[in-house]
Amino acid sequence: VVAVSLVLGVMFVIPIGGGDMPVVISLLNSLSGIAAAAA
């Protein structure tokens, strides 16, 4: 399950272009907070 989660992270970002990075960074920042809450 841990390995699949790591692969999903790669698959999540590779189809996103560099111009969309403001949105991606903001979303990943949100996900890091949600992960901390889960912890």
Full PDB file with SEQRES, HELIX, SHEET, SSBOND, CRYST1, ORIGX, SCALE, CONECT and MASTER records, all heavy atoms in Angstrom:
SEQRES   1 A   39  VAL VAL ALA VAL SER LEU VAL LEU GLY VAL MET PHE VAL          
SEQRES   2 A   39  ILE PRO ILE GLY GLY GLY ASP MET PRO VAL VAL ILE SER          
SEQRES   3 A   39  LEU LEU ASN SER LEU SER GLY ILE ALA ALA ALA ALA ALA          
HELIX    1 AA1 VAL A    2  VAL A   13  1                                  12    
HELIX    2 AA2 GLY A   18  ASP A   20  5                                   3    
HELIX    3 AA3 MET A   21  ALA A   38  1                                  18    
CRYST1    1.000    1.000    1.000  90.00  90.00  90.00 P 1           1          
ORIGX1      1.000000  0.000000  0.000000        0.00000                         
ORIGX2      0.000000  1.000000  0.000000        0.00000                         
ORIGX3      0.000000  0.000000  1.000000        0.00000                         
SCALE1      1.000000  0.000000  0.000000        0.00000                         
SCALE2      0.000000  1.000000  0.000000        0.00000                         
SCALE3      0.000000  0.000000  1.000000        0.00000                         
ATOM      1  N   VAL A   1       0.838  -1.205   0.000  1.00  0.00           N  
ATOM      2  CA  VAL A   1       0.000   0.000   0.000  1.00  0.00           C  
ATOM      3  C   VAL A   1       0.870   1.252   0.000  1.00  0.00           C  
ATOM      4  O   VAL A   1       0.587   2.232  -0.708  1.00  0.00           O  
ATOM      5  CB  VAL A   1      -0.949  -0.015   1.219  1.00  0.00           C  
ATOM      6  CG1 VAL A   1      -1.600   1.345   1.417  1.00  0.00           C  
ATOM      7  CG2 VAL A   1      -2.008  -1.084   1.058  1.00  0.00           C  
ATOM      8  N   VAL A   2       1.953   1.226   0.785  1.00  0.00           N  
ATOM      9  CA  VAL A   2       2.873   2.368   0.816  1.00  0.00           C  
ATOM     10  C   VAL A   2       3.492   2.590  -0.567  1.00  0.00           C  
ATOM     11  O   VAL A   2       3.554   3.724  -1.062  1.00  0.00           O  
ATOM     12  CB  VAL A   2       3.986   2.136   1.862  1.00  0.00           C  
ATOM     13  CG1 VAL A   2       5.048   3.234   1.757  1.00  0.00           C  
ATOM     14  CG2 VAL A   2       3.403   2.104   3.265  1.00  0.00           C  
ATOM     15  N   ALA A   3       3.935   1.501  -1.217  1.00  0.00           N  
ATOM     16  CA  ALA A   3       4.566   1.613  -2.534  1.00  0.00           C  
ATOM     17  C   ALA A   3       3.586   2.166  -3.569  1.00  0.00           C  
ATOM     18  O   ALA A   3       3.942   3.026  -4.388  1.00  0.00           O  
ATOM     19  CB  ALA A   3       5.089   0.242  -2.968  1.00  0.00           C  
ATOM     20  N   VAL A   4       2.333   1.681  -3.543  1.00  0.00           N  
ATOM     21  CA  VAL A   4       1.327   2.175  -4.484  1.00  0.00           C  
ATOM     22  C   VAL A   4       1.088   3.663  -4.280  1.00  0.00           C  
ATOM     23  O   VAL A   4       0.942   4.425  -5.246  1.00  0.00           O  
ATOM     24  CB  VAL A   4       0.014   1.373  -4.318  1.00  0.00           C  
ATOM     25  CG1 VAL A   4      -1.118   2.057  -5.086  1.00  0.00           C  
ATOM     26  CG2 VAL A   4       0.192  -0.052  -4.816  1.00  0.00           C  
ATOM     27  N   SER A   5       1.078   4.103  -3.026  1.00  0.00           N  
ATOM     28  CA  SER A   5       0.870   5.521  -2.737  1.00  0.00           C  
ATOM     29  C   SER A   5       1.987   6.373  -3.322  1.00  0.00           C  
ATOM     30  O   SER A   5       1.741   7.453  -3.871  1.00  0.00           O  
ATOM     31  CB  SER A   5       0.783   5.741  -1.219  1.00  0.00           C  
ATOM     32  OG  SER A   5      -0.280   5.011  -0.658  1.00  0.00           O  
ATOM     33  N   LEU A   6       3.214   5.893  -3.223  1.00  0.00           N  
ATOM     34  CA  LEU A   6       4.346   6.631  -3.773  1.00  0.00           C  
ATOM     35  C   LEU A   6       4.261   6.723  -5.297  1.00  0.00           C  
ATOM     36  O   LEU A   6       4.543   7.776  -5.880  1.00  0.00           O  
ATOM     37  CB  LEU A   6       5.653   5.962  -3.358  1.00  0.00           C  
ATOM     38  CG  LEU A   6       5.966   5.967  -1.856  1.00  0.00           C  
ATOM     39  CD1 LEU A   6       7.232   5.161  -1.572  1.00  0.00           C  
ATOM     40  CD2 LEU A   6       6.112   7.382  -1.327  1.00  0.00           C  
ATOM     41  N   VAL A   7       3.867   5.641  -5.940  1.00  0.00           N  
ATOM     42  CA  VAL A   7       3.721   5.645  -7.402  1.00  0.00           C  
ATOM     43  C   VAL A   7       2.586   6.578  -7.823  1.00  0.00           C  
ATOM     44  O   VAL A   7       2.692   7.302  -8.826  1.00  0.00           O  
ATOM     45  CB  VAL A   7       3.482   4.219  -7.934  1.00  0.00           C  
ATOM     46  CG1 VAL A   7       3.213   4.243  -9.441  1.00  0.00           C  
ATOM     47  CG2 VAL A   7       4.669   3.329  -7.624  1.00  0.00           C  
ATOM     48  N   LEU A   8       1.508   6.600  -7.051  1.00  0.00           N  
ATOM     49  CA  LEU A   8       0.381   7.493  -7.365  1.00  0.00           C  
ATOM     50  C   LEU A   8       0.812   8.956  -7.338  1.00  0.00           C  
ATOM     51  O   LEU A   8       0.313   9.767  -8.128  1.00  0.00           O  
ATOM     52  CB  LEU A   8      -0.761   7.260  -6.372  1.00  0.00           C  
ATOM     53  CG  LEU A   8      -1.715   6.115  -6.694  1.00  0.00           C  
ATOM     54  CD1 LEU A   8      -2.663   5.867  -5.515  1.00  0.00           C  
ATOM     55  CD2 LEU A   8      -2.522   6.406  -7.949  1.00  0.00           C  
ATOM     56  N   GLY A   9       1.739   9.299  -6.448  1.00  0.00           N  
ATOM     57  CA  GLY A   9       2.234  10.672  -6.406  1.00  0.00           C  
ATOM     58  C   GLY A   9       2.927  11.064  -7.697  1.00  0.00           C  
ATOM     59  O   GLY A   9       2.742  12.175  -8.210  1.00  0.00           O  
ATOM     60  N   VAL A  10       3.721  10.148  -8.241  1.00  0.00           N  
ATOM     61  CA  VAL A  10       4.399  10.406  -9.514  1.00  0.00           C  
ATOM     62  C   VAL A  10       3.378  10.544 -10.639  1.00  0.00           C  
ATOM     63  O   VAL A  10       3.433  11.480 -11.447  1.00  0.00           O  
ATOM     64  CB  VAL A  10       5.394   9.276  -9.828  1.00  0.00           C  
ATOM     65  CG1 VAL A  10       6.008   9.475 -11.214  1.00  0.00           C  
ATOM     66  CG2 VAL A  10       6.485   9.214  -8.771  1.00  0.00           C  
ATOM     67  N   MET A  11       2.420   9.611 -10.691  1.00  0.00           N  
ATOM     68  CA  MET A  11       1.410   9.638 -11.740  1.00  0.00           C  
ATOM     69  C   MET A  11       0.502  10.860 -11.637  1.00  0.00           C  
ATOM     70  O   MET A  11      -0.069  11.308 -12.625  1.00  0.00           O  
ATOM     71  CB  MET A  11       0.569   8.359 -11.680  1.00  0.00           C  
ATOM     72  CG  MET A  11       1.369   7.073 -11.865  1.00  0.00           C  
ATOM     73  SD  MET A  11       2.345   7.083 -13.393  1.00  0.00           S  
ATOM     74  CE  MET A  11       1.028   7.251 -14.603  1.00  0.00           C  
ATOM     75  N   PHE A  12       0.411  11.404 -10.441  1.00  0.00           N  
ATOM     76  CA  PHE A  12      -0.422  12.573 -10.206  1.00  0.00           C  
ATOM     77  C   PHE A  12       0.165  13.825 -10.858  1.00  0.00           C  
ATOM     78  O   PHE A  12      -0.553  14.678 -11.375  1.00  0.00           O  
ATOM     79  CB  PHE A  12      -0.569  12.763  -8.695  1.00  0.00           C  
ATOM     80  CG  PHE A  12      -1.205  14.059  -8.275  1.00  0.00           C  
ATOM     81  CD1 PHE A  12      -2.534  14.321  -8.532  1.00  0.00           C  
ATOM     82  CD2 PHE A  12      -0.462  15.020  -7.608  1.00  0.00           C  
ATOM     83  CE1 PHE A  12      -3.119  15.521  -8.143  1.00  0.00           C  
ATOM     84  CE2 PHE A  12      -1.027  16.212  -7.217  1.00  0.00           C  
ATOM     85  CZ  PHE A  12      -2.363  16.464  -7.483  1.00  0.00           C  
ATOM     86  N   VAL A  13       1.504  13.921 -10.864  1.00  0.00           N  
ATOM     87  CA  VAL A  13       2.155  15.164 -11.294  1.00  0.00           C  
ATOM     88  C   VAL A  13       2.673  15.116 -12.727  1.00  0.00           C  
ATOM     89  O   VAL A  13       2.714  16.148 -13.403  1.00  0.00           O  
ATOM     90  CB  VAL A  13       3.296  15.522 -10.311  1.00  0.00           C  
ATOM     91  CG1 VAL A  13       4.089  16.727 -10.807  1.00  0.00           C  
ATOM     92  CG2 VAL A  13       2.737  15.813  -8.932  1.00  0.00           C  
ATOM     93  N   ILE A  14       3.061  13.930 -13.241  1.00  0.00           N  
ATOM     94  CA  ILE A  14       3.711  13.913 -14.552  1.00  0.00           C  
ATOM     95  C   ILE A  14       2.844  14.465 -15.688  1.00  0.00           C  
ATOM     96  O   ILE A  14       3.391  15.043 -16.635  1.00  0.00           O  
ATOM     97  CB  ILE A  14       4.232  12.507 -14.930  1.00  0.00           C  
ATOM     98  CG1 ILE A  14       3.095  11.481 -14.997  1.00  0.00           C  
ATOM     99  CG2 ILE A  14       5.314  12.052 -13.978  1.00  0.00           C  
ATOM    100  CD1 ILE A  14       3.552  10.143 -15.586  1.00  0.00           C  
ATOM    101  N   PRO A  15       1.487  14.355 -15.662  1.00  0.00           N  
ATOM    102  CA  PRO A  15       0.739  14.910 -16.791  1.00  0.00           C  
ATOM    103  C   PRO A  15       0.455  16.400 -16.668  1.00  0.00           C  
ATOM    104  O   PRO A  15      -0.270  16.950 -17.487  1.00  0.00           O  
ATOM    105  CB  PRO A  15      -0.570  14.107 -16.760  1.00  0.00           C  
ATOM    106  CG  PRO A  15      -0.781  13.796 -15.325  1.00  0.00           C  
ATOM    107  CD  PRO A  15       0.589  13.624 -14.740  1.00  0.00           C  
ATOM    108  N   ILE A  16       1.031  17.057 -15.679  1.00  0.00           N  
ATOM    109  CA  ILE A  16       0.754  18.475 -15.443  1.00  0.00           C  
ATOM    110  C   ILE A  16       1.921  19.298 -15.961  1.00  0.00           C  
ATOM    111  O   ILE A  16       3.083  19.036 -15.623  1.00  0.00           O  
ATOM    112  CB  ILE A  16       0.521  18.752 -13.950  1.00  0.00           C  
ATOM    113  CG1 ILE A  16      -0.648  17.892 -13.434  1.00  0.00           C  
ATOM    114  CG2 ILE A  16       0.236  20.225 -13.717  1.00  0.00           C  
ATOM    115  CD1 ILE A  16      -0.876  18.001 -11.960  1.00  0.00           C  
ATOM    116  N   GLY A  17       1.630  20.306 -16.785  1.00  0.00           N  
ATOM    117  CA  GLY A  17       2.664  21.145 -17.381  1.00  0.00           C  
ATOM    118  C   GLY A  17       3.237  22.137 -16.393  1.00  0.00           C  
ATOM    119  O   GLY A  17       2.634  22.460 -15.364  1.00  0.00           O  
ATOM    120  N   GLY A  18       4.440  22.643 -16.720  1.00  0.00           N  
ATOM    121  CA  GLY A  18       5.113  23.586 -15.841  1.00  0.00           C  
ATOM    122  C   GLY A  18       4.325  24.862 -15.597  1.00  0.00           C  
ATOM    123  O   GLY A  18       4.431  25.477 -14.540  1.00  0.00           O  
ATOM    124  N   GLY A  19       3.509  25.273 -16.565  1.00  0.00           N  
ATOM    125  CA  GLY A  19       2.725  26.488 -16.404  1.00  0.00           C  
ATOM    126  C   GLY A  19       1.638  26.365 -15.358  1.00  0.00           C  
ATOM    127  O   GLY A  19       1.134  27.368 -14.853  1.00  0.00           O  
ATOM    128  N   ASP A  20       1.257  25.129 -15.018  1.00  0.00           N  
ATOM    129  CA  ASP A  20       0.230  24.912 -14.003  1.00  0.00           C  
ATOM    130  C   ASP A  20       0.826  24.708 -12.616  1.00  0.00           C  
ATOM    131  O   ASP A  20       0.110  24.355 -11.672  1.00  0.00           O  
ATOM    132  CB  ASP A  20      -0.616  23.684 -14.365  1.00  0.00           C  
ATOM    133  CG  ASP A  20      -1.587  23.969 -15.500  1.00  0.00           C  
ATOM    134  OD1 ASP A  20      -1.985  25.143 -15.635  1.00  0.00           O  
ATOM    135  OD2 ASP A  20      -1.940  23.047 -16.246  1.00  0.00           O  
ATOM    136  N   MET A  21       2.128  24.936 -12.469  1.00  0.00           N  
ATOM    137  CA  MET A  21       2.786  24.707 -11.190  1.00  0.00           C  
ATOM    138  C   MET A  21       2.224  25.550 -10.042  1.00  0.00           C  
ATOM    139  O   MET A  21       2.196  25.091  -8.901  1.00  0.00           O  
ATOM    140  CB  MET A  21       4.290  24.945 -11.308  1.00  0.00           C  
ATOM    141  CG  MET A  21       5.038  23.782 -11.931  1.00  0.00           C  
ATOM    142  SD  MET A  21       4.848  22.224 -11.010  1.00  0.00           S  
ATOM    143  CE  MET A  21       4.047  21.216 -12.254  1.00  0.00           C  
ATOM    144  N   PRO A  22       1.764  26.809 -10.266  1.00  0.00           N  
ATOM    145  CA  PRO A  22       1.168  27.530  -9.135  1.00  0.00           C  
ATOM    146  C   PRO A  22       0.012  26.765  -8.499  1.00  0.00           C  
ATOM    147  O   PRO A  22      -0.122  26.718  -7.274  1.00  0.00           O  
ATOM    148  CB  PRO A  22       0.692  28.850  -9.772  1.00  0.00           C  
ATOM    149  CG  PRO A  22       1.586  29.042 -10.940  1.00  0.00           C  
ATOM    150  CD  PRO A  22       1.859  27.669 -11.470  1.00  0.00           C  
ATOM    151  N   VAL A  23      -0.829  26.152  -9.336  1.00  0.00           N  
ATOM    152  CA  VAL A  23      -1.956  25.382  -8.815  1.00  0.00           C  
ATOM    153  C   VAL A  23      -1.466  24.110  -8.142  1.00  0.00           C  
ATOM    154  O   VAL A  23      -1.927  23.740  -7.055  1.00  0.00           O  
ATOM    155  CB  VAL A  23      -2.949  25.039  -9.940  1.00  0.00           C  
ATOM    156  CG1 VAL A  23      -4.085  24.166  -9.418  1.00  0.00           C  
ATOM    157  CG2 VAL A  23      -3.508  26.310 -10.559  1.00  0.00           C  
ATOM    158  N   VAL A  24      -0.501  23.424  -8.774  1.00  0.00           N  
ATOM    159  CA  VAL A  24      -0.014  22.152  -8.241  1.00  0.00           C  
ATOM    160  C   VAL A  24       0.669  22.352  -6.891  1.00  0.00           C  
ATOM    161  O   VAL A  24       0.434  21.597  -5.935  1.00  0.00           O  
ATOM    162  CB  VAL A  24       0.959  21.493  -9.241  1.00  0.00           C  
ATOM    163  CG1 VAL A  24       1.596  20.248  -8.644  1.00  0.00           C  
ATOM    164  CG2 VAL A  24       0.222  21.149 -10.524  1.00  0.00           C  
ATOM    165  N   ILE A  25       1.520  23.363  -6.794  1.00  0.00           N  
ATOM    166  CA  ILE A  25       2.212  23.623  -5.530  1.00  0.00           C  
ATOM    167  C   ILE A  25       1.217  23.959  -4.435  1.00  0.00           C  
ATOM    168  O   ILE A  25       1.336  23.498  -3.284  1.00  0.00           O  
ATOM    169  CB  ILE A  25       3.243  24.754  -5.709  1.00  0.00           C  
ATOM    170  CG1 ILE A  25       4.430  24.249  -6.531  1.00  0.00           C  
ATOM    171  CG2 ILE A  25       3.720  25.279  -4.366  1.00  0.00           C  
ATOM    172  CD1 ILE A  25       5.488  25.280  -6.789  1.00  0.00           C  
ATOM    173  N   SER A  26       0.218  24.761  -4.761  1.00  0.00           N  
ATOM    174  CA  SER A  26      -0.815  25.106  -3.783  1.00  0.00           C  
ATOM    175  C   SER A  26      -1.576  23.869  -3.329  1.00  0.00           C  
ATOM    176  O   SER A  26      -1.841  23.680  -2.136  1.00  0.00           O  
ATOM    177  CB  SER A  26      -1.775  26.135  -4.390  1.00  0.00           C  
ATOM    178  OG  SER A  26      -2.778  26.465  -3.466  1.00  0.00           O  
ATOM    179  N   LEU A  27      -1.925  22.997  -4.278  1.00  0.00           N  
ATOM    180  CA  LEU A  27      -2.661  21.781  -3.937  1.00  0.00           C  
ATOM    181  C   LEU A  27      -1.796  20.830  -3.110  1.00  0.00           C  
ATOM    182  O   LEU A  27      -2.274  20.236  -2.125  1.00  0.00           O  
ATOM    183  CB  LEU A  27      -3.139  21.093  -5.206  1.00  0.00           C  
ATOM    184  CG  LEU A  27      -3.963  19.807  -5.014  1.00  0.00           C  
ATOM    185  CD1 LEU A  27      -5.221  20.091  -4.192  1.00  0.00           C  
ATOM    186  CD2 LEU A  27      -4.333  19.195  -6.355  1.00  0.00           C  
ATOM    187  N   LEU A  28      -0.530  20.668  -3.480  1.00  0.00           N  
ATOM    188  CA  LEU A  28       0.354  19.799  -2.712  1.00  0.00           C  
ATOM    189  C   LEU A  28       0.578  20.342  -1.300  1.00  0.00           C  
ATOM    190  O   LEU A  28       0.717  19.580  -0.341  1.00  0.00           O  
ATOM    191  CB  LEU A  28       1.694  19.645  -3.431  1.00  0.00           C  
ATOM    192  CG  LEU A  28       1.655  18.808  -4.709  1.00  0.00           C  
ATOM    193  CD1 LEU A  28       2.975  18.929  -5.473  1.00  0.00           C  
ATOM    194  CD2 LEU A  28       1.359  17.352  -4.397  1.00  0.00           C  
ATOM    195  N   ASN A  29       0.617  21.651  -1.170  1.00  0.00           N  
ATOM    196  CA  ASN A  29       0.709  22.263   0.149  1.00  0.00           C  
ATOM    197  C   ASN A  29      -0.506  21.891   0.993  1.00  0.00           C  
ATOM    198  O   ASN A  29      -0.389  21.563   2.179  1.00  0.00           O  
ATOM    199  CB  ASN A  29       0.822  23.778   0.013  1.00  0.00           C  
ATOM    200  CG  ASN A  29       0.939  24.463   1.356  1.00  0.00           C  
ATOM    201  OD1 ASN A  29       1.812  24.151   2.151  1.00  0.00           O  
ATOM    202  ND2 ASN A  29       0.055  25.394   1.622  1.00  0.00           N  
ATOM    203  N   SER A  30      -1.674  21.930   0.364  1.00  0.00           N  
ATOM    204  CA  SER A  30      -2.891  21.529   1.064  1.00  0.00           C  
ATOM    205  C   SER A  30      -2.832  20.061   1.471  1.00  0.00           C  
ATOM    206  O   SER A  30      -3.196  19.689   2.598  1.00  0.00           O  
ATOM    207  CB  SER A  30      -4.112  21.776   0.170  1.00  0.00           C  
ATOM    208  OG  SER A  30      -5.292  21.308   0.785  1.00  0.00           O  
ATOM    209  N   LEU A  31      -2.360  19.211   0.555  1.00  0.00           N  
ATOM    210  CA  LEU A  31      -2.269  17.783   0.859  1.00  0.00           C  
ATOM    211  C   LEU A  31      -1.294  17.508   1.997  1.00  0.00           C  
ATOM    212  O   LEU A  31      -1.525  16.606   2.813  1.00  0.00           O  
ATOM    213  CB  LEU A  31      -1.848  17.014  -0.392  1.00  0.00           C  
ATOM    214  CG  LEU A  31      -2.876  16.943  -1.528  1.00  0.00           C  
ATOM    215  CD1 LEU A  31      -2.304  16.189  -2.717  1.00  0.00           C  
ATOM    216  CD2 LEU A  31      -4.160  16.271  -1.055  1.00  0.00           C  
ATOM    217  N   SER A  32      -0.203  18.276   2.063  1.00  0.00           N  
ATOM    218  CA  SER A  32       0.742  18.083   3.167  1.00  0.00           C  
ATOM    219  C   SER A  32       0.079  18.399   4.499  1.00  0.00           C  
ATOM    220  O   SER A  32       0.348  17.738   5.519  1.00  0.00           O  
ATOM    221  CB  SER A  32       1.987  18.952   2.969  1.00  0.00           C  
ATOM    222  OG  SER A  32       1.688  20.329   3.136  1.00  0.00           O  
ATOM    223  N   GLY A  33      -0.800  19.400   4.513  1.00  0.00           N  
ATOM    224  CA  GLY A  33      -1.541  19.718   5.737  1.00  0.00           C  
ATOM    225  C   GLY A  33      -2.533  18.625   6.104  1.00  0.00           C  
ATOM    226  O   GLY A  33      -2.656  18.247   7.281  1.00  0.00           O  
ATOM    227  N   ILE A  34      -3.242  18.111   5.106  1.00  0.00           N  
ATOM    228  CA  ILE A  34      -4.198  17.038   5.367  1.00  0.00           C  
ATOM    229  C   ILE A  34      -3.470  15.793   5.874  1.00  0.00           C  
ATOM    230  O   ILE A  34      -3.956  15.093   6.781  1.00  0.00           O  
ATOM    231  CB  ILE A  34      -5.007  16.725   4.097  1.00  0.00           C  
ATOM    232  CG1 ILE A  34      -5.831  17.948   3.679  1.00  0.00           C  
ATOM    233  CG2 ILE A  34      -5.926  15.525   4.318  1.00  0.00           C  
ATOM    234  CD1 ILE A  34      -6.517  17.798   2.337  1.00  0.00           C  
ATOM    235  N   ALA A  35      -2.295  15.512   5.314  1.00  0.00           N  
ATOM    236  CA  ALA A  35      -1.497  14.376   5.790  1.00  0.00           C  
ATOM    237  C   ALA A  35      -1.085  14.568   7.242  1.00  0.00           C  
ATOM    238  O   ALA A  35      -1.108  13.613   8.038  1.00  0.00           O  
ATOM    239  CB  ALA A  35      -0.257  14.208   4.902  1.00  0.00           C  
ATOM    240  N   ALA A  36      -0.711  15.797   7.608  1.00  0.00           N  
ATOM    241  CA  ALA A  36      -0.348  16.076   9.000  1.00  0.00           C  
ATOM    242  C   ALA A  36      -1.544  15.878   9.922  1.00  0.00           C  
ATOM    243  O   ALA A  36      -1.402  15.349  11.038  1.00  0.00           O  
ATOM    244  CB  ALA A  36       0.188  17.500   9.117  1.00  0.00           C  
ATOM    245  N   ALA A  37      -2.730  16.302   9.477  1.00  0.00           N  
ATOM    246  CA  ALA A  37      -3.937  16.106  10.290  1.00  0.00           C  
ATOM    247  C   ALA A  37      -4.224  14.617  10.475  1.00  0.00           C  
ATOM    248  O   ALA A  37      -4.587  14.162  11.573  1.00  0.00           O  
ATOM    249  CB  ALA A  37      -5.123  16.802   9.633  1.00  0.00           C  
ATOM    250  N   ALA A  38      -4.049  13.836   9.400  1.00  0.00           N  
ATOM    251  CA  ALA A  38      -4.243  12.383   9.506  1.00  0.00           C  
ATOM    252  C   ALA A  38      -3.248  11.776  10.487  1.00  0.00           C  
ATOM    253  O   ALA A  38      -3.587  10.887  11.278  1.00  0.00           O  
ATOM    254  CB  ALA A  38      -4.111  11.737   8.134  1.00  0.00           C  
ATOM    255  N   ALA A  39      -1.985  12.272  10.440  1.00  0.00           N  
ATOM    256  CA  ALA A  39      -0.977  11.799  11.393  1.00  0.00           C  
ATOM    257  C   ALA A  39      -1.382  12.150  12.815  1.00  0.00           C  
ATOM    258  O   ALA A  39      -1.114  11.379  13.761  1.00  0.00           O  
ATOM    259  CB  ALA A  39       0.387  12.406  11.059  1.00  0.00           C  
TER     260      ALA A  39                                                      
MASTER        0    0    0    3    0    0    0    6  259    1    0    3          
END                                                                             
